[in-house]
Amino acid sequence: MLIRPAKIEDLESLLQLARESGPGMTNFTDNVESMLGKLEQTVASFSAEINAPDDEYYFFVLEDPINSRIAGCCGIYSTVGIHRPFYTFRVLSLTHTSQELEYYEPVRVLQMVEEHRGCAEIVSLFLTPDYRKDGNGKLLSRSRFLFMAEFIERFPEFVIAEMRGKVDESGQSAFWNSIGGHFFPMNFIEADQFNALGHFQFIADMMPKYPIYIRLLPENAQEMIGQTHDHTVPALKMLEREGFRNDGCVDVFDAGPVIKCPVSEIQTARNSQSAEISNIEPIKSDLVYMACNTHLNNFRLSRGKLDHQSDGRITIDPELAKVLQVSVGDRIRFTNF
């Protein structure tokens, strides 16, 4: 399986994936204009020379080389909250104390904040059901961190991820219905799609500005706060193994958790190595590595066999070399898979 930057020619395949993903993936919608904009931004980002992360978007696809089928995708925003607002609810605990009653109680509230300004964000991880096997999801998720390690100058200190929150069988959110439904003239799916099209100001205009007491919400809405969609739980567990931790914030639409990690502490990036290819020949070992080339404009990532030698140089399997489009003398970045 090959992971590479998305191209304009992938538009129809990505729209089909977006339709399969269903509602709730704000950064991945089957709107033609929105998807085309992401692809154009990706092409520009991969060709841009930058001194510091700004407004780049790196969109990747997982391609099956046997049939050229696009089986999945994932993306990275180099920064959020700078060129467009990034709103979340922070879950806070207020102290209610009565001396007369000799009573003390912590009370949880939701406060809308805009405090992740300048963080990178990983987004749009989706794998079509036919390919949810053989470690493809693991490869897709971790590929972003190998890319970040190789091109570290393109990313800030921290990276966040908004995990998809729970919805019912019709795609509606009990959390949204208990809050947003009272203030916005649209249901959850409509609001989520409107946001996906690049509209953000309506959140600040219409969402309550003051703390929302969680205990006043319906019980089914309270239960959704910080919960992850069943389909997204495997992705959450993978990110937790990478070092991501709950940030204490939840999404303003479906209350899915926001998790965060310093880029330098992400396990895949931290444990990766860069080395020069000294030889290309069949590898007898059963160990499998994840590896990428170092060419930004022709970035390619896959998994396969290699032999890491004591002098720092490596031998890689011909099949892996072919997928990565590398030769003897080229450098690759790799880590255990």
Protein backbone atom coordinates (compact mmCIF):
# COMPACT_ATOMS: atom_id res chain seq x y z
CA MET A 1 0.00 0.00 0.00
CA LEU A 2 1.22 3.48 -0.94
CA ILE A 3 0.60 6.76 0.86
CA ARG A 4 1.19 9.86 -1.25
CA PRO A 5 -0.04 13.47 -1.50
CA ALA A 6 -3.55 13.82 -2.88
CA LYS A 7 -3.84 15.20 -6.42
CA ILE A 8 -6.57 17.05 -8.31
CA GLU A 9 -7.15 13.84 -10.27
CA ASP A 10 -8.23 12.13 -7.01
CA LEU A 11 -11.30 14.36 -6.68
CA GLU A 12 -13.99 11.82 -7.63
CA SER A 13 -12.44 9.04 -5.55
CA LEU A 14 -12.22 11.31 -2.51
CA LEU A 15 -15.81 12.48 -2.92
CA GLN A 16 -16.88 8.83 -2.88
CA LEU A 17 -14.87 8.24 0.31
CA ALA A 18 -16.49 11.28 1.89
CA ARG A 19 -19.94 9.89 1.10
CA GLU A 20 -18.96 6.63 2.78
CA SER A 21 -17.70 8.42 5.90
CA GLY A 22 -21.13 9.87 6.74
CA PRO A 23 -21.88 12.97 8.86
CA GLY A 24 -19.64 14.16 11.67
CA MET A 25 -16.30 14.42 9.86
CA THR A 26 -16.23 18.20 9.61
CA ASN A 27 -12.98 18.36 7.63
CA PHE A 28 -14.04 15.72 5.12
CA THR A 29 -17.24 16.40 3.21
CA ASP A 30 -18.51 15.29 -0.20
CA ASN A 31 -19.01 18.90 -1.32
CA VAL A 32 -17.19 19.34 -4.66
CA GLU A 33 -16.15 22.94 -4.05
CA SER A 34 -14.80 22.19 -0.57
CA MET A 35 -12.91 19.08 -1.67
CA LEU A 36 -11.41 20.80 -4.69
CA GLY A 37 -10.28 23.65 -2.45
CA LYS A 38 -8.48 21.20 -0.17
CA LEU A 39 -6.77 19.55 -3.12
CA GLU A 40 -5.65 22.89 -4.55
CA GLN A 41 -4.37 23.97 -1.14
CA THR A 42 -2.49 20.68 -0.84
CA VAL A 43 -0.80 21.09 -4.21
CA ALA A 44 0.25 24.64 -3.22
CA SER A 45 1.45 23.54 0.24
CA PHE A 46 3.68 20.76 -1.07
CA SER A 47 5.33 23.13 -3.53
CA ALA A 48 5.68 26.10 -1.16
CA GLU A 49 9.00 27.18 0.32
CA ILE A 50 8.32 28.28 3.88
CA ASN A 51 10.30 29.61 6.84
CA ALA A 52 7.64 28.79 9.44
CA PRO A 53 4.27 26.99 9.46
CA ASP A 54 1.44 29.22 8.33
CA ASP A 55 -1.70 28.08 6.50
CA GLU A 56 -0.55 24.88 4.77
CA TYR A 57 -2.69 21.80 4.33
CA TYR A 58 -1.18 18.39 3.60
CA PHE A 59 -3.75 15.90 2.32
CA PHE A 60 -2.70 12.27 1.75
CA VAL A 61 -4.35 9.27 0.13
CA LEU A 62 -3.83 5.56 0.68
CA GLU A 63 -3.59 3.91 -2.72
CA ASP A 64 -3.64 0.24 -3.61
CA PRO A 65 -0.92 0.00 -6.31
CA ILE A 66 -2.41 -3.20 -7.71
CA ASN A 67 -5.62 -1.55 -8.91
CA SER A 68 -4.84 2.16 -8.32
CA ARG A 69 -7.84 2.34 -5.97
CA ILE A 70 -7.95 5.15 -3.40
CA ALA A 71 -8.80 3.29 -0.20
CA GLY A 72 -8.34 5.96 2.45
CA CYS A 73 -7.10 9.42 3.32
CA CYS A 74 -5.77 11.62 6.10
CA GLY A 75 -4.60 15.20 6.44
CA ILE A 76 -2.63 17.74 8.47
CA TYR A 77 -3.32 21.45 8.94
CA SER A 78 0.01 23.11 9.72
CA THR A 79 -1.76 25.63 11.97
CA VAL A 80 -5.28 26.31 13.22
CA GLY A 81 -6.81 29.37 14.82
CA ILE A 82 -4.71 31.88 12.89
CA HIS A 83 -6.38 32.36 9.51
CA ARG A 84 -9.67 30.88 10.70
CA PRO A 85 -11.07 30.59 14.24
CA PHE A 86 -10.96 27.29 16.07
CA TYR A 87 -13.67 26.97 18.71
CA THR A 88 -14.09 24.29 21.36
CA PHE A 89 -15.87 23.88 24.66
CA ARG A 90 -13.54 23.60 27.64
CA VAL A 91 -14.94 21.43 30.43
CA LEU A 92 -14.39 23.37 33.65
CA SER A 93 -15.20 22.69 37.28
CA LEU A 94 -16.66 25.54 39.34
CA THR A 95 -16.88 25.43 43.12
CA HIS A 96 -20.29 25.96 44.72
CA THR A 97 -19.96 26.53 48.46
CA SER A 98 -22.53 27.45 51.09
CA GLN A 99 -21.35 28.19 54.62
CA GLU A 100 -24.94 28.25 55.84
CA LEU A 101 -25.55 24.77 54.52
CA GLU A 102 -22.02 23.64 55.29
CA TYR A 103 -22.00 22.29 51.79
CA TYR A 104 -19.32 22.17 49.11
CA GLU A 105 -19.77 20.85 45.59
CA PRO A 106 -17.77 21.01 42.34
CA VAL A 107 -20.04 21.70 39.36
CA ARG A 108 -18.97 21.03 35.75
CA VAL A 109 -19.64 23.62 33.06
CA LEU A 110 -18.89 24.12 29.37
CA GLN A 111 -17.17 27.35 28.32
CA MET A 112 -16.59 28.15 24.65
CA VAL A 113 -12.93 29.02 24.08
CA GLU A 114 -10.51 29.72 21.25
CA GLU A 115 -7.25 28.59 22.78
CA HIS A 116 -5.52 26.22 20.35
CA ARG A 117 -4.20 29.05 18.23
CA GLY A 118 -1.08 28.04 16.30
CA CYS A 119 -1.30 24.28 16.88
CA ALA A 120 -1.14 21.82 14.00
CA GLU A 121 -4.20 19.59 13.60
CA ILE A 122 -4.45 16.08 12.18
CA VAL A 123 -7.74 15.55 10.36
CA SER A 124 -9.80 13.54 7.89
CA LEU A 125 -8.62 10.03 8.75
CA PHE A 126 -10.88 7.62 6.90
CA LEU A 127 -10.40 4.10 5.56
CA THR A 128 -12.97 2.38 3.37
CA PRO A 129 -14.35 -0.79 5.07
CA ASP A 130 -12.86 -3.17 2.48
CA TYR A 131 -9.36 -2.12 3.55
CA ARG A 132 -9.80 -2.12 7.32
CA LYS A 133 -7.38 -5.00 7.72
CA ASP A 134 -3.69 -5.92 7.46
CA GLY A 135 -2.60 -2.88 9.46
CA ASN A 136 -3.77 -0.35 6.84
CA GLY A 137 -5.40 1.88 9.43
CA LYS A 138 -2.25 1.87 11.53
CA LEU A 139 -0.15 2.76 8.48
CA LEU A 140 -2.49 5.58 7.48
CA SER A 141 -2.65 7.10 10.95
CA ARG A 142 1.07 6.92 11.68
CA SER A 143 2.12 8.12 8.21
CA ARG A 144 1.39 11.72 9.21
CA PHE A 145 3.91 11.57 12.02
CA LEU A 146 6.71 10.20 9.85
CA PHE A 147 6.01 13.04 7.43
CA MET A 148 6.10 15.55 10.29
CA ALA A 149 9.41 14.13 11.54
CA GLU A 150 11.01 14.46 8.12
CA PHE A 151 9.74 17.99 7.52
CA ILE A 152 9.70 19.21 11.11
CA GLU A 153 10.33 22.83 10.11
CA ARG A 154 6.84 22.93 8.60
CA PHE A 155 5.09 22.31 11.91
CA PRO A 156 4.65 24.08 15.27
CA GLU A 157 5.37 22.74 18.74
CA PHE A 158 2.00 21.07 19.38
CA VAL A 159 -0.46 19.04 17.36
CA ILE A 160 -4.11 18.37 18.24
CA ALA A 161 -6.85 16.07 17.00
CA GLU A 162 -10.62 16.42 17.33
CA MET A 163 -12.11 12.97 17.69
CA ARG A 164 -15.49 12.37 16.11
CA GLY A 165 -18.26 12.41 18.71
CA LYS A 166 -21.15 9.99 19.09
CA VAL A 167 -24.26 10.33 16.95
CA ASP A 168 -27.41 8.25 16.61
CA GLU A 169 -28.38 5.95 13.75
CA SER A 170 -29.78 8.88 11.75
CA GLY A 171 -26.54 10.83 12.15
CA GLN A 172 -27.95 13.32 14.67
CA SER A 173 -26.23 14.40 17.87
CA ALA A 174 -28.05 14.48 21.21
CA PHE A 175 -25.43 16.96 22.42
CA TRP A 176 -26.08 19.34 19.54
CA ASN A 177 -29.83 19.05 20.00
CA SER A 178 -29.52 20.05 23.66
CA ILE A 179 -27.40 23.16 23.01
CA GLY A 180 -26.97 24.18 19.38
CA GLY A 181 -30.52 23.17 18.55
CA HIS A 182 -31.78 26.00 20.78
CA PHE A 183 -29.68 28.71 19.15
CA PHE A 184 -29.13 27.73 15.50
CA PRO A 185 -31.80 27.44 12.77
CA MET A 186 -30.36 24.11 11.57
CA ASN A 187 -29.90 20.54 12.75
CA PHE A 188 -26.56 18.91 13.57
CA ILE A 189 -25.84 17.61 10.06
CA GLU A 190 -26.67 20.98 8.47
CA ALA A 191 -24.52 22.89 10.98
CA ASP A 192 -21.62 20.47 10.57
CA GLN A 193 -21.76 20.70 6.78
CA PHE A 194 -22.01 24.50 6.91
CA ASN A 195 -18.88 24.58 9.06
CA ALA A 196 -17.14 22.15 6.69
CA LEU A 197 -17.64 24.63 3.86
CA GLY A 198 -15.43 27.15 5.67
CA HIS A 199 -18.01 29.07 7.67
CA PHE A 200 -16.85 29.73 11.24
CA GLN A 201 -18.18 33.12 12.33
CA PHE A 202 -21.69 31.77 12.84
CA ILE A 203 -20.38 29.72 15.78
CA ALA A 204 -19.17 32.83 17.62
CA ASP A 205 -22.30 34.75 16.65
CA MET A 206 -24.85 32.21 17.86
CA MET A 207 -23.28 29.91 20.46
CA PRO A 208 -23.85 30.87 24.13
CA LYS A 209 -21.06 33.12 25.44
CA TYR A 210 -21.48 32.19 29.10
CA PRO A 211 -20.78 28.94 30.96
CA ILE A 212 -23.32 26.17 30.35
CA TYR A 213 -24.07 24.06 33.41
CA ILE A 214 -23.74 20.46 32.28
CA ARG A 215 -26.22 19.13 34.83
CA LEU A 216 -28.96 21.22 33.19
CA LEU A 217 -28.58 19.32 29.92
CA PRO A 218 -30.65 16.21 29.17
CA GLU A 219 -29.05 13.07 30.53
CA ASN A 220 -28.41 11.59 27.06
CA ALA A 221 -26.56 14.78 26.09
CA GLN A 222 -24.45 14.73 29.26
CA GLU A 223 -23.41 11.18 28.46
CA MET A 224 -22.05 12.25 25.05
CA ILE A 225 -19.54 14.78 26.44
CA GLY A 226 -16.02 13.55 25.73
CA GLN A 227 -17.24 10.32 24.11
CA THR A 228 -15.82 9.05 20.81
CA HIS A 229 -17.79 7.64 17.88
CA ASP A 230 -17.58 3.84 17.79
CA HIS A 231 -15.92 3.92 14.36
CA THR A 232 -13.30 6.36 15.68
CA VAL A 233 -12.32 4.48 18.84
CA PRO A 234 -9.51 2.51 17.09
CA ALA A 235 -8.04 5.78 15.81
CA LEU A 236 -8.22 7.27 19.31
CA LYS A 237 -6.42 4.28 20.82
CA MET A 238 -3.67 4.51 18.21
CA LEU A 239 -3.17 8.20 18.96
CA GLU A 240 -3.06 7.52 22.69
CA ARG A 241 -0.29 5.00 22.05
CA GLU A 242 1.54 7.75 20.16
CA GLY A 243 1.41 9.98 23.24
CA PHE A 244 -1.74 12.04 22.72
CA ARG A 245 -3.70 12.93 25.85
CA ASN A 246 -7.09 14.48 26.53
CA ASP A 247 -6.82 18.26 26.44
CA GLY A 248 -9.94 18.94 28.52
CA CYS A 249 -11.85 20.36 25.55
CA VAL A 250 -14.64 18.95 23.39
CA ASP A 251 -16.02 19.76 19.97
CA VAL A 252 -18.77 22.41 19.92
CA PHE A 253 -20.95 20.32 17.60
CA ASP A 254 -20.85 16.72 18.85
CA ALA A 255 -18.76 16.97 22.09
CA GLY A 256 -16.08 14.58 20.80
CA PRO A 257 -12.81 14.92 22.79
CA VAL A 258 -9.86 17.07 21.74
CA ILE A 259 -6.50 15.39 22.30
CA LYS A 260 -3.03 16.98 22.14
CA CYS A 261 0.67 16.10 22.04
CA PRO A 262 3.98 17.93 21.51
CA VAL A 263 5.25 17.03 18.04
CA SER A 264 8.64 16.12 19.52
CA GLU A 265 7.02 13.52 21.82
CA ILE A 266 4.94 11.65 19.23
CA GLN A 267 6.33 8.12 19.37
CA THR A 268 6.48 7.47 15.61
CA ALA A 269 8.35 10.73 15.01
CA ARG A 270 10.54 10.38 18.07
CA ASN A 271 11.63 6.82 17.27
CA SER A 272 12.19 7.37 13.55
CA GLN A 273 15.64 7.45 11.95
CA SER A 274 17.03 8.84 8.73
CA ALA A 275 19.69 6.92 6.79
CA GLU A 276 21.30 6.57 3.38
CA ILE A 277 20.49 3.56 1.23
CA SER A 278 23.66 1.54 0.68
CA ASN A 279 22.14 -1.42 -1.13
CA ILE A 280 18.90 -2.71 -2.63
CA GLU A 281 18.41 -6.46 -2.42
CA PRO A 282 15.93 -9.01 -1.02
CA ILE A 283 15.71 -9.01 2.78
CA LYS A 284 15.36 -12.33 4.60
CA SER A 285 14.22 -10.89 7.92
CA ASP A 286 10.52 -10.95 8.85
CA LEU A 287 10.71 -7.51 10.47
CA VAL A 288 8.50 -4.90 8.78
CA TYR A 289 9.24 -1.17 8.82
CA MET A 290 7.33 1.92 7.81
CA ALA A 291 9.46 4.12 5.58
CA CYS A 292 9.22 7.24 3.43
CA ASN A 293 11.44 9.03 0.98
CA THR A 294 12.68 12.55 1.70
CA HIS A 295 11.35 14.27 -1.42
CA LEU A 296 8.66 16.79 -0.49
CA ASN A 297 7.38 17.23 -4.04
CA ASN A 298 7.22 13.48 -4.63
CA PHE A 299 6.58 12.24 -1.11
CA ARG A 300 5.87 8.51 -0.90
CA LEU A 301 5.43 6.28 2.15
CA SER A 302 4.87 2.56 2.54
CA ARG A 303 5.89 -0.41 4.65
CA GLY A 304 8.30 -3.20 3.85
CA LYS A 305 11.57 -4.86 4.76
CA LEU A 306 14.94 -3.26 5.35
CA ASP A 307 18.18 -4.05 7.14
CA HIS A 308 19.58 -1.31 9.36
CA GLN A 309 23.36 -1.70 9.54
CA SER A 310 25.66 -0.72 12.42
CA ASP A 311 27.37 2.03 10.40
CA GLY A 312 24.04 3.82 9.96
CA ARG A 313 23.45 2.85 6.34
CA ILE A 314 20.71 0.51 5.24
CA THR A 315 19.76 -2.14 2.74
CA ILE A 316 16.15 -2.13 1.59
CA ASP A 317 14.03 -4.65 -0.24
CA PRO A 318 13.57 -4.01 -4.01
CA GLU A 319 9.78 -3.96 -3.66
CA LEU A 320 9.94 -1.21 -1.03
CA ALA A 321 12.47 0.73 -3.08
CA LYS A 322 10.15 0.58 -6.09
CA VAL A 323 7.15 1.90 -4.16
CA LEU A 324 9.19 4.71 -2.58
CA GLN A 325 10.93 5.48 -5.91
CA VAL A 326 14.37 5.57 -4.31
CA SER A 327 17.84 4.38 -5.38
CA VAL A 328 21.20 3.66 -3.77
CA GLY A 329 22.52 6.89 -2.27
CA ASP A 330 19.08 8.30 -1.48
CA ARG A 331 17.99 8.86 2.11
CA ILE A 332 14.85 7.49 3.67
CA ARG A 333 13.20 7.94 7.06
CA PHE A 334 11.94 4.80 8.78
CA THR A 335 10.66 3.32 12.02
CA ASN A 336 9.39 -0.03 13.27
CA PHE A 337 5.90 -0.90 12.10
